[in-house]
Amino acid sequence: MYRKVASGVQIKVLVQPIKPDRVNEKQPRRIPQRLRKNEMLISLNSLKIITFILNTAWVIRMIKI
Protein backbone atom coordinates (compact mmCIF):
# COMPACT_ATOMS: atom_id res chain seq x y z
CA MET A 1 0.00 0.00 0.00
CA TYR A 2 1.36 3.40 -0.92
CA ARG A 3 0.38 6.80 0.44
CA LYS A 4 0.86 9.58 -2.09
CA VAL A 5 2.59 12.75 -0.93
CA ALA A 6 2.43 16.19 -2.58
CA SER A 7 6.13 16.11 -3.44
CA GLY A 8 5.56 13.02 -5.59
CA VAL A 9 7.41 10.85 -3.09
CA GLN A 10 5.71 7.59 -2.30
CA ILE A 11 5.74 6.47 1.31
CA LYS A 12 5.30 2.75 1.74
CA VAL A 13 2.74 2.04 4.42
CA LEU A 14 3.39 -1.28 6.08
CA VAL A 15 0.16 -3.13 6.62
CA GLN A 16 0.57 -6.18 8.80
CA PRO A 17 -2.37 -8.56 8.59
CA ILE A 18 -3.37 -9.82 12.03
CA LYS A 19 -2.83 -13.56 11.87
CA PRO A 20 -5.53 -15.77 13.40
CA ASP A 21 -4.39 -17.62 16.50
CA ARG A 22 -3.05 -21.04 15.69
CA VAL A 23 -5.02 -23.89 17.24
CA ASN A 24 -1.94 -25.88 18.28
CA GLU A 25 -0.60 -23.03 20.46
CA LYS A 26 -1.23 -23.69 24.14
CA GLN A 27 -1.64 -20.02 25.09
CA PRO A 28 -2.78 -17.93 22.13
CA ARG A 29 -1.65 -14.31 22.40
CA ARG A 30 -4.61 -11.97 22.44
CA ILE A 31 -4.06 -8.26 21.88
CA PRO A 32 -6.69 -6.07 23.55
CA GLN A 33 -8.75 -4.15 20.99
CA ARG A 34 -7.94 -0.81 22.62
CA LEU A 35 -4.19 -1.41 22.37
CA ARG A 36 -4.42 -2.35 18.71
CA LYS A 37 -6.45 0.79 17.98
CA ASN A 38 -3.89 2.95 19.80
CA GLU A 39 -1.03 1.44 17.78
CA MET A 40 -2.89 2.21 14.56
CA LEU A 41 -3.49 5.79 15.71
CA ILE A 42 0.17 6.25 16.60
CA SER A 43 1.32 4.95 13.21
CA LEU A 44 -1.20 7.20 11.44
CA ASN A 45 -0.01 10.24 13.40
CA SER A 46 3.65 9.53 12.63
CA LEU A 47 2.72 9.16 8.95
CA LYS A 48 0.97 12.55 9.06
CA ILE A 49 4.07 14.10 10.64
CA ILE A 50 6.33 12.58 7.96
CA THR A 51 4.07 13.83 5.16
CA PHE A 52 3.94 17.29 6.77
CA ILE A 53 7.75 17.47 6.97
CA LEU A 54 8.09 16.30 3.36
CA ASN A 55 5.50 18.83 2.19
CA THR A 56 7.18 21.72 3.99
CA ALA A 57 10.58 20.70 2.62
CA TRP A 58 9.07 20.58 -0.88
CA VAL A 59 7.53 24.06 -0.46
CA ILE A 60 10.84 25.50 0.80
CA ARG A 61 12.64 23.97 -2.19
CA MET A 62 10.09 25.49 -4.57
CA ILE A 63 10.54 28.92 -2.97
CA LYS A 64 14.33 28.67 -3.25
CA ILE A 65 14.08 27.86 -6.97
PDB file of N, CA and C in Angstrom:
ATOM      1  N   MET A   1       0.833  -1.183   0.000  1.00  0.00           N
ATOM      2  CA  MET A   1       0.000   0.000   0.000  1.00  0.00           C
ATOM      3  C   MET A   1       0.878   1.246   0.000  1.00  0.00           C
ATOM      4  N   TYR A   2       0.558   2.177  -0.842  1.00  0.00           N
ATOM      5  CA  TYR A   2       1.358   3.397  -0.917  1.00  0.00           C
ATOM      6  C   TYR A   2       0.497   4.621  -0.611  1.00  0.00           C
ATOM      7  N   ARG A   3       1.059   5.526   0.160  1.00  0.00           N
ATOM      8  CA  ARG A   3       0.382   6.796   0.438  1.00  0.00           C
ATOM      9  C   ARG A   3       1.065   7.877  -0.384  1.00  0.00           C
ATOM     10  N   LYS A   4       0.283   8.562  -1.205  1.00  0.00           N
ATOM     11  CA  LYS A   4       0.859   9.576  -2.094  1.00  0.00           C
ATOM     12  C   LYS A   4       1.093  10.885  -1.340  1.00  0.00           C
ATOM     13  N   VAL A   5       2.238  11.487  -1.574  1.00  0.00           N
ATOM     14  CA  VAL A   5       2.593  12.753  -0.930  1.00  0.00           C
ATOM     15  C   VAL A   5       2.690  13.821  -2.013  1.00  0.00           C
ATOM     16  N   ALA A   6       2.480  15.075  -1.620  1.00  0.00           N
ATOM     17  CA  ALA A   6       2.432  16.188  -2.578  1.00  0.00           C
ATOM     18  C   ALA A   6       3.720  16.307  -3.384  1.00  0.00           C
ATOM     19  N   SER A   7       4.849  15.944  -2.755  1.00  0.00           N
ATOM     20  CA  SER A   7       6.133  16.107  -3.441  1.00  0.00           C
ATOM     21  C   SER A   7       6.360  15.021  -4.489  1.00  0.00           C
ATOM     22  N   GLY A   8       5.406  14.100  -4.615  1.00  0.00           N
ATOM     23  CA  GLY A   8       5.556  13.024  -5.587  1.00  0.00           C
ATOM     24  C   GLY A   8       6.321  11.853  -5.014  1.00  0.00           C
ATOM     25  N   VAL A   9       6.697  11.959  -3.740  1.00  0.00           N
ATOM     26  CA  VAL A   9       7.410  10.855  -3.093  1.00  0.00           C
ATOM     27  C   VAL A   9       6.374   9.880  -2.582  1.00  0.00           C
ATOM     28  N   GLN A  10       6.630   8.603  -2.796  1.00  0.00           N
ATOM     29  CA  GLN A  10       5.708   7.593  -2.300  1.00  0.00           C
ATOM     30  C   GLN A  10       6.228   7.028  -0.990  1.00  0.00           C
ATOM     31  N   ILE A  11       5.383   7.065   0.024  1.00  0.00           N
ATOM     32  CA  ILE A  11       5.736   6.466   1.307  1.00  0.00           C
ATOM     33  C   ILE A  11       5.071   5.102   1.370  1.00  0.00           C
ATOM     34  N   LYS A  12       5.871   4.082   1.639  1.00  0.00           N
ATOM     35  CA  LYS A  12       5.304   2.746   1.744  1.00  0.00           C
ATOM     36  C   LYS A  12       4.701   2.580   3.130  1.00  0.00           C
ATOM     37  N   VAL A  13       3.430   2.255   3.153  1.00  0.00           N
ATOM     38  CA  VAL A  13       2.742   2.038   4.422  1.00  0.00           C
ATOM     39  C   VAL A  13       2.716   0.537   4.675  1.00  0.00           C
ATOM     40  N   LEU A  14       3.344   0.144   5.764  1.00  0.00           N
ATOM     41  CA  LEU A  14       3.388  -1.275   6.084  1.00  0.00           C
ATOM     42  C   LEU A  14       2.074  -1.686   6.720  1.00  0.00           C
ATOM     43  N   VAL A  15       1.405  -2.610   6.062  1.00  0.00           N
ATOM     44  CA  VAL A  15       0.161  -3.128   6.621  1.00  0.00           C
ATOM     45  C   VAL A  15       0.405  -4.574   7.020  1.00  0.00           C
ATOM     46  N   GLN A  16       0.351  -4.819   8.322  1.00  0.00           N
ATOM     47  CA  GLN A  16       0.569  -6.180   8.797  1.00  0.00           C
ATOM     48  C   GLN A  16      -0.776  -6.822   9.081  1.00  0.00           C
ATOM     49  N   PRO A  17      -1.116  -7.858   8.318  1.00  0.00           N
ATOM     50  CA  PRO A  17      -2.366  -8.555   8.592  1.00  0.00           C
ATOM     51  C   PRO A  17      -2.287  -9.256   9.946  1.00  0.00           C
ATOM     52  N   ILE A  18      -3.353  -9.164  10.729  1.00  0.00           N
ATOM     53  CA  ILE A  18      -3.375  -9.824  12.027  1.00  0.00           C
ATOM     54  C   ILE A  18      -3.671 -11.297  11.795  1.00  0.00           C
ATOM     55  N   LYS A  19      -2.679 -12.130  12.123  1.00  0.00           N
ATOM     56  CA  LYS A  19      -2.830 -13.560  11.871  1.00  0.00           C
ATOM     57  C   LYS A  19      -3.788 -14.168  12.895  1.00  0.00           C
ATOM     58  N   PRO A  20      -4.658 -15.067  12.446  1.00  0.00           N
ATOM     59  CA  PRO A  20      -5.528 -15.771  13.395  1.00  0.00           C
ATOM     60  C   PRO A  20      -4.698 -16.676  14.299  1.00  0.00           C
ATOM     61  N   ASP A  21      -5.135 -16.803  15.542  1.00  0.00           N
ATOM     62  CA  ASP A  21      -4.390 -17.620  16.496  1.00  0.00           C
ATOM     63  C   ASP A  21      -4.366 -19.068  16.033  1.00  0.00           C
ATOM     64  N   ARG A  22      -3.170 -19.649  16.099  1.00  0.00           N
ATOM     65  CA  ARG A  22      -3.052 -21.043  15.694  1.00  0.00           C
ATOM     66  C   ARG A  22      -3.665 -21.937  16.763  1.00  0.00           C
ATOM     67  N   VAL A  23      -4.296 -23.008  16.317  1.00  0.00           N
ATOM     68  CA  VAL A  23      -5.016 -23.887  17.241  1.00  0.00           C
ATOM     69  C   VAL A  23      -4.036 -24.658  18.117  1.00  0.00           C
ATOM     70  N   ASN A  24      -2.870 -25.029  17.547  1.00  0.00           N
ATOM     71  CA  ASN A  24      -1.937 -25.880  18.282  1.00  0.00           C
ATOM     72  C   ASN A  24      -1.175 -25.130  19.374  1.00  0.00           C
ATOM     73  N   GLU A  25      -1.283 -23.787  19.408  1.00  0.00           N
ATOM     74  CA  GLU A  25      -0.604 -23.035  20.460  1.00  0.00           C
ATOM     75  C   GLU A  25      -1.351 -23.197  21.776  1.00  0.00           C
ATOM     76  N   LYS A  26      -0.593 -23.456  22.841  1.00  0.00           N
ATOM     77  CA  LYS A  26      -1.229 -23.694  24.143  1.00  0.00           C
ATOM     78  C   LYS A  26      -1.869 -22.415  24.679  1.00  0.00           C
ATOM     79  N   GLN A  27      -1.099 -21.299  24.622  1.00  0.00           N
ATOM     80  CA  GLN A  27      -1.637 -20.021  25.092  1.00  0.00           C
ATOM     81  C   GLN A  27      -1.618 -19.013  23.941  1.00  0.00           C
ATOM     82  N   PRO A  28      -2.728 -18.886  23.236  1.00  0.00           N
ATOM     83  CA  PRO A  28      -2.779 -17.927  22.134  1.00  0.00           C
ATOM     84  C   PRO A  28      -2.677 -16.504  22.666  1.00  0.00           C
ATOM     85  N   ARG A  29      -1.825 -15.706  21.986  1.00  0.00           N
ATOM     86  CA  ARG A  29      -1.653 -14.312  22.397  1.00  0.00           C
ATOM     87  C   ARG A  29      -2.844 -13.506  21.915  1.00  0.00           C
ATOM     88  N   ARG A  30      -3.476 -12.811  22.830  1.00  0.00           N
ATOM     89  CA  ARG A  30      -4.606 -11.967  22.436  1.00  0.00           C
ATOM     90  C   ARG A  30      -4.251 -10.517  22.725  1.00  0.00           C
ATOM     91  N   ILE A  31      -4.335  -9.679  21.702  1.00  0.00           N
ATOM     92  CA  ILE A  31      -4.057  -8.256  21.877  1.00  0.00           C
ATOM     93  C   ILE A  31      -5.384  -7.555  22.164  1.00  0.00           C
ATOM     94  N   PRO A  32      -5.452  -6.811  23.274  1.00  0.00           N
ATOM     95  CA  PRO A  32      -6.691  -6.071  23.548  1.00  0.00           C
ATOM     96  C   PRO A  32      -7.020  -5.108  22.412  1.00  0.00           C
ATOM     97  N   GLN A  33      -8.305  -4.970  22.124  1.00  0.00           N
ATOM     98  CA  GLN A  33      -8.749  -4.152  20.989  1.00  0.00           C
ATOM     99  C   GLN A  33      -8.280  -2.707  21.134  1.00  0.00           C
ATOM    100  N   ARG A  34      -8.316  -2.200  22.385  1.00  0.00           N
ATOM    101  CA  ARG A  34      -7.943  -0.808  22.622  1.00  0.00           C
ATOM    102  C   ARG A  34      -6.484  -0.578  22.254  1.00  0.00           C
ATOM    103  N   LEU A  35      -5.621  -1.519  22.657  1.00  0.00           N
ATOM    104  CA  LEU A  35      -4.195  -1.407  22.375  1.00  0.00           C
ATOM    105  C   LEU A  35      -3.957  -1.358  20.875  1.00  0.00           C
ATOM    106  N   ARG A  36      -4.608  -2.270  20.159  1.00  0.00           N
ATOM    107  CA  ARG A  36      -4.421  -2.347  18.712  1.00  0.00           C
ATOM    108  C   ARG A  36      -4.836  -1.022  18.071  1.00  0.00           C
ATOM    109  N   LYS A  37      -5.955  -0.472  18.534  1.00  0.00           N
ATOM    110  CA  LYS A  37      -6.446   0.788  17.976  1.00  0.00           C
ATOM    111  C   LYS A  37      -5.438   1.908  18.229  1.00  0.00           C
ATOM    112  N   ASN A  38      -4.878   1.932  19.457  1.00  0.00           N
ATOM    113  CA  ASN A  38      -3.888   2.950  19.799  1.00  0.00           C
ATOM    114  C   ASN A  38      -2.674   2.858  18.891  1.00  0.00           C
ATOM    115  N   GLU A  39      -2.195   1.628  18.652  1.00  0.00           N
ATOM    116  CA  GLU A  39      -1.034   1.436  17.778  1.00  0.00           C
ATOM    117  C   GLU A  39      -1.319   1.990  16.389  1.00  0.00           C
ATOM    118  N   MET A  40      -2.523   1.716  15.877  1.00  0.00           N
ATOM    119  CA  MET A  40      -2.892   2.212  14.556  1.00  0.00           C
ATOM    120  C   MET A  40      -2.902   3.737  14.543  1.00  0.00           C
ATOM    121  N   LEU A  41      -3.446   4.331  15.620  1.00  0.00           N
ATOM    122  CA  LEU A  41      -3.495   5.794  15.714  1.00  0.00           C
ATOM    123  C   LEU A  41      -2.100   6.386  15.731  1.00  0.00           C
ATOM    124  N   ILE A  42      -1.203   5.757  16.503  1.00  0.00           N
ATOM    125  CA  ILE A  42       0.173   6.250  16.603  1.00  0.00           C
ATOM    126  C   ILE A  42       0.842   6.213  15.228  1.00  0.00           C
ATOM    127  N   SER A  43       0.684   5.079  14.519  1.00  0.00           N
ATOM    128  CA  SER A  43       1.324   4.951  13.208  1.00  0.00           C
ATOM    129  C   SER A  43       0.746   5.983  12.229  1.00  0.00           C
ATOM    130  N   LEU A  44      -0.565   6.208  12.316  1.00  0.00           N
ATOM    131  CA  LEU A  44      -1.199   7.205  11.439  1.00  0.00           C
ATOM    132  C   LEU A  44      -0.662   8.597  11.729  1.00  0.00           C
ATOM    133  N   ASN A  45      -0.521   8.915  13.030  1.00  0.00           N
ATOM    134  CA  ASN A  45      -0.011  10.235  13.403  1.00  0.00           C
ATOM    135  C   ASN A  45       1.413  10.433  12.908  1.00  0.00           C
ATOM    136  N   SER A  46       2.256   9.411  13.078  1.00  0.00           N
ATOM    137  CA  SER A  46       3.648   9.533  12.628  1.00  0.00           C
ATOM    138  C   SER A  46       3.688   9.715  11.112  1.00  0.00           C
ATOM    139  N   LEU A  47       2.787   9.024  10.402  1.00  0.00           N
ATOM    140  CA  LEU A  47       2.720   9.162   8.946  1.00  0.00           C
ATOM    141  C   LEU A  47       2.344  10.595   8.570  1.00  0.00           C
ATOM    142  N   LYS A  48       1.379  11.160   9.319  1.00  0.00           N
ATOM    143  CA  LYS A  48       0.973  12.546   9.064  1.00  0.00           C
ATOM    144  C   LYS A  48       2.142  13.491   9.269  1.00  0.00           C
ATOM    145  N   ILE A  49       2.910  13.251  10.346  1.00  0.00           N
ATOM    146  CA  ILE A  49       4.067  14.103  10.643  1.00  0.00           C
ATOM    147  C   ILE A  49       5.086  14.017   9.510  1.00  0.00           C
ATOM    148  N   ILE A  50       5.349  12.787   9.043  1.00  0.00           N
ATOM    149  CA  ILE A  50       6.326  12.581   7.960  1.00  0.00           C
ATOM    150  C   ILE A  50       5.870  13.320   6.701  1.00  0.00           C
ATOM    151  N   THR A  51       4.589  13.168   6.358  1.00  0.00           N
ATOM    152  CA  THR A  51       4.073  13.828   5.155  1.00  0.00           C
ATOM    153  C   THR A  51       4.160  15.341   5.302  1.00  0.00           C
ATOM    154  N   PHE A  52       3.867  15.845   6.514  1.00  0.00           N
ATOM    155  CA  PHE A  52       3.936  17.289   6.767  1.00  0.00           C
ATOM    156  C   PHE A  52       5.354  17.805   6.560  1.00  0.00           C
ATOM    157  N   ILE A  53       6.339  17.066   7.112  1.00  0.00           N
ATOM    158  CA  ILE A  53       7.747  17.466   6.969  1.00  0.00           C
ATOM    159  C   ILE A  53       8.140  17.469   5.495  1.00  0.00           C
ATOM    160  N   LEU A  54       7.760  16.403   4.783  1.00  0.00           N
ATOM    161  CA  LEU A  54       8.093  16.304   3.358  1.00  0.00           C
ATOM    162  C   LEU A  54       7.463  17.457   2.579  1.00  0.00           C
ATOM    163  N   ASN A  55       6.200  17.750   2.893  1.00  0.00           N
ATOM    164  CA  ASN A  55       5.500  18.829   2.186  1.00  0.00           C
ATOM    165  C   ASN A  55       6.167  20.170   2.428  1.00  0.00           C
ATOM    166  N   THR A  56       6.529  20.446   3.682  1.00  0.00           N
ATOM    167  CA  THR A  56       7.176  21.724   3.987  1.00  0.00           C
ATOM    168  C   THR A  56       8.526  21.818   3.297  1.00  0.00           C
ATOM    169  N   ALA A  57       9.276  20.717   3.293  1.00  0.00           N
ATOM    170  CA  ALA A  57      10.580  20.704   2.622  1.00  0.00           C
ATOM    171  C   ALA A  57      10.394  20.998   1.133  1.00  0.00           C
ATOM    172  N   TRP A  58       9.345  20.391   0.543  1.00  0.00           N
ATOM    173  CA  TRP A  58       9.067  20.583  -0.881  1.00  0.00           C
ATOM    174  C   TRP A  58       8.733  22.052  -1.162  1.00  0.00           C
ATOM    175  N   VAL A  59       7.927  22.653  -0.300  1.00  0.00           N
ATOM    176  CA  VAL A  59       7.531  24.062  -0.455  1.00  0.00           C
ATOM    177  C   VAL A  59       8.761  24.962  -0.362  1.00  0.00           C
ATOM    178  N   ILE A  60       9.620  24.694   0.630  1.00  0.00           N
ATOM    179  CA  ILE A  60      10.838  25.496   0.803  1.00  0.00           C
ATOM    180  C   ILE A  60      11.710  25.394  -0.451  1.00  0.00           C
ATOM    181  N   ARG A  61      11.830  24.177  -0.992  1.00  0.00           N
ATOM    182  CA  ARG A  61      12.643  23.967  -2.191  1.00  0.00           C
ATOM    183  C   ARG A  61      12.064  24.763  -3.361  1.00  0.00           C
ATOM    184  N   MET A  62      10.738  24.763  -3.485  1.00  0.00           N
ATOM    185  CA  MET A  62      10.087  25.492  -4.572  1.00  0.00           C
ATOM    186  C   MET A  62      10.339  26.995  -4.434  1.00  0.00           C
ATOM    187  N   ILE A  63      10.306  27.493  -3.203  1.00  0.00           N
ATOM    188  CA  ILE A  63      10.537  28.924  -2.968  1.00  0.00           C
ATOM    189  C   ILE A  63      11.977  29.282  -3.335  1.00  0.00           C
ATOM    190  N   LYS A  64      12.916  28.412  -2.959  1.00  0.00           N
ATOM    191  CA  LYS A  64      14.330  28.671  -3.250  1.00  0.00           C
ATOM    192  C   LYS A  64      14.573  28.743  -4.754  1.00  0.00           C
ATOM    193  N   ILE A  65      13.927  27.878  -5.508  1.00  0.00           N
ATOM    194  CA  ILE A  65      14.080  27.859  -6.966  1.00  0.00           C
ATOM    195  C   ILE A  65      13.208  28.963  -7.548  1.00  0.00           C
TER     196      ILE A  65
END
